[in-house]
Amino acid sequence: MIFFKSRQYINVGNRVDAVKIKIVVLVSLIGLLAGCVTEAGYQRKLQRSVGMSKQQLIDEWGEPVTEFAHKQVYSQGKLLQKAETIMNYYQHTNFNQPAKLTIKQVSNNSLTYDFQPQSTTTFSCLTTFRLEHDRVVSYKYEGNNCVAY
């Protein structure tokens, strides 16, 4: 009977080790994928958009959240303002962390409590493209979630 218990213990240990290995592999894969999603990747994606037509930009990014168009303005035969279009794209995600209460027993007669209230973190990115004569000439972006592969 002792042999059976020790063998059972070994089997449980092997299962625990297998679960630990699966967790390590899963966390490693997530880390690798997260490491591939970077701001530098986002910059490369934006750089590829320079020179695109307005329609190509819409095909790639979808309809913009806002669009402002300025026509060419001349005064006495001089160009005062070029024909340009500003197209803005905005993406955001809210991450909700639920409230958490931790109770620890310090001694036989005393408990400690740790309460963390619910919190929300917003991840966002605003990307602005500037087009002249319906061609992308520049871009800018800001936010804490401007990342791509």
Foldseek 3Di string as FASTA:
>chain_A
DVVVVVVVVVVVVVVVVVVVVVVVVVVVVVVVVVVQWFLVQLVVVQVVQAFPFLVVCCVVPNAAPDKDWDDFDDDPRHTPDFTKMKGKHKDKDKDKDAKDWDWADPDPPDIDIDIDHIDIDMWMKMKMFMDGPRGTHDIDMDTRRSIDD
